[in-house]
Amino acid sequence: MAGSEILVGICDETLVFGPVCGYGGTAGVVAYAGRTGMPVRILWPEDATR
């Protein structure tokens, strides 16, 4: 998570490809980015399944 926090700190926006659920990994990065006020876009095609 420390590495992800560094990346969030040097980026302008977080782009996520796929679902975001649970704790840790992608979900943790999205939550952290949101807390810092960084824009977060989740890109999930309508016909995609998990």
C-alpha atoms as a PDB file:
ATOM      1  CA  MET A   1       0.000   0.000   0.000  1.00  0.00           C
ATOM      2  CA  ALA A   2       2.906   2.353   0.653  1.00  0.00           C
ATOM      3  CA  GLY A   3       3.930   2.133  -3.003  1.00  0.00           C
ATOM      4  CA  SER A   4       0.364   2.773  -4.118  1.00  0.00           C
ATOM      5  CA  GLU A   5       0.162   5.838  -1.880  1.00  0.00           C
ATOM      6  CA  ILE A   6       3.300   7.212  -3.549  1.00  0.00           C
ATOM      7  CA  LEU A   7       1.772   6.661  -7.000  1.00  0.00           C
ATOM      8  CA  VAL A   8      -1.460   8.382  -5.957  1.00  0.00           C
ATOM      9  CA  GLY A   9       0.652  11.301  -4.741  1.00  0.00           C
ATOM     10  CA  ILE A  10       2.309  11.836  -8.119  1.00  0.00           C
ATOM     11  CA  CYS A  11      -0.713  11.250 -10.386  1.00  0.00           C
ATOM     12  CA  ASP A  12      -3.560  13.533 -11.439  1.00  0.00           C
ATOM     13  CA  GLU A  13      -6.302  10.908 -11.642  1.00  0.00           C
ATOM     14  CA  THR A  14      -6.889   7.253 -10.770  1.00  0.00           C
ATOM     15  CA  LEU A  15      -8.248   5.021 -13.549  1.00  0.00           C
ATOM     16  CA  VAL A  16      -9.540   1.609 -12.531  1.00  0.00           C
ATOM     17  CA  PHE A  17     -10.363  -1.141 -15.018  1.00  0.00           C
ATOM     18  CA  GLY A  18     -12.918  -3.553 -13.599  1.00  0.00           C
ATOM     19  CA  PRO A  19     -14.886  -3.971 -10.402  1.00  0.00           C
ATOM     20  CA  VAL A  20     -13.698  -2.541  -7.112  1.00  0.00           C
ATOM     21  CA  CYS A  21     -14.743  -4.494  -4.051  1.00  0.00           C
ATOM     22  CA  GLY A  22     -13.364  -5.733  -0.781  1.00  0.00           C
ATOM     23  CA  TYR A  23     -10.427  -4.452   1.209  1.00  0.00           C
ATOM     24  CA  GLY A  24      -6.876  -4.142  -0.052  1.00  0.00           C
ATOM     25  CA  GLY A  25      -5.421  -4.140  -3.530  1.00  0.00           C
ATOM     26  CA  THR A  26      -7.356  -2.026  -5.999  1.00  0.00           C
ATOM     27  CA  ALA A  27     -10.114  -1.252  -3.496  1.00  0.00           C
ATOM     28  CA  GLY A  28      -7.558   0.095  -1.030  1.00  0.00           C
ATOM     29  CA  VAL A  29      -5.985   2.334  -3.656  1.00  0.00           C
ATOM     30  CA  VAL A  30      -9.396   3.669  -4.734  1.00  0.00           C
ATOM     31  CA  ALA A  31     -10.341   4.399  -1.119  1.00  0.00           C
ATOM     32  CA  TYR A  32      -7.034   6.158  -0.470  1.00  0.00           C
ATOM     33  CA  ALA A  33      -7.281   8.214  -3.666  1.00  0.00           C
ATOM     34  CA  GLY A  34     -10.814   9.261  -2.715  1.00  0.00           C
ATOM     35  CA  ARG A  35      -9.677  10.357   0.749  1.00  0.00           C
ATOM     36  CA  THR A  36      -6.999  12.552  -0.808  1.00  0.00           C
ATOM     37  CA  GLY A  37      -9.533  14.195  -3.119  1.00  0.00           C
ATOM     38  CA  MET A  38      -8.087  12.688  -6.292  1.00  0.00           C
ATOM     39  CA  PRO A  39     -10.601  12.029  -9.078  1.00  0.00           C
ATOM     40  CA  VAL A  40     -11.295   8.306  -9.526  1.00  0.00           C
ATOM     41  CA  ARG A  41     -12.813   6.811 -12.700  1.00  0.00           C
ATOM     42  CA  ILE A  42     -13.894   3.183 -12.756  1.00  0.00           C
ATOM     43  CA  LEU A  43     -14.048   1.847 -16.319  1.00  0.00           C
ATOM     44  CA  TRP A  44     -16.240  -1.234 -16.553  1.00  0.00           C
ATOM     45  CA  PRO A  45     -17.810  -2.250 -19.882  1.00  0.00           C
ATOM     46  CA  GLU A  46     -21.558  -2.913 -19.729  1.00  0.00           C
ATOM     47  CA  ASP A  47     -21.218  -6.453 -21.107  1.00  0.00           C
ATOM     48  CA  ALA A  48     -18.275  -7.473 -18.896  1.00  0.00           C
ATOM     49  CA  THR A  49     -18.704 -10.036 -16.114  1.00  0.00           C
ATOM     50  CA  ARG A  50     -16.595 -10.800 -13.119  1.00  0.00           C
END
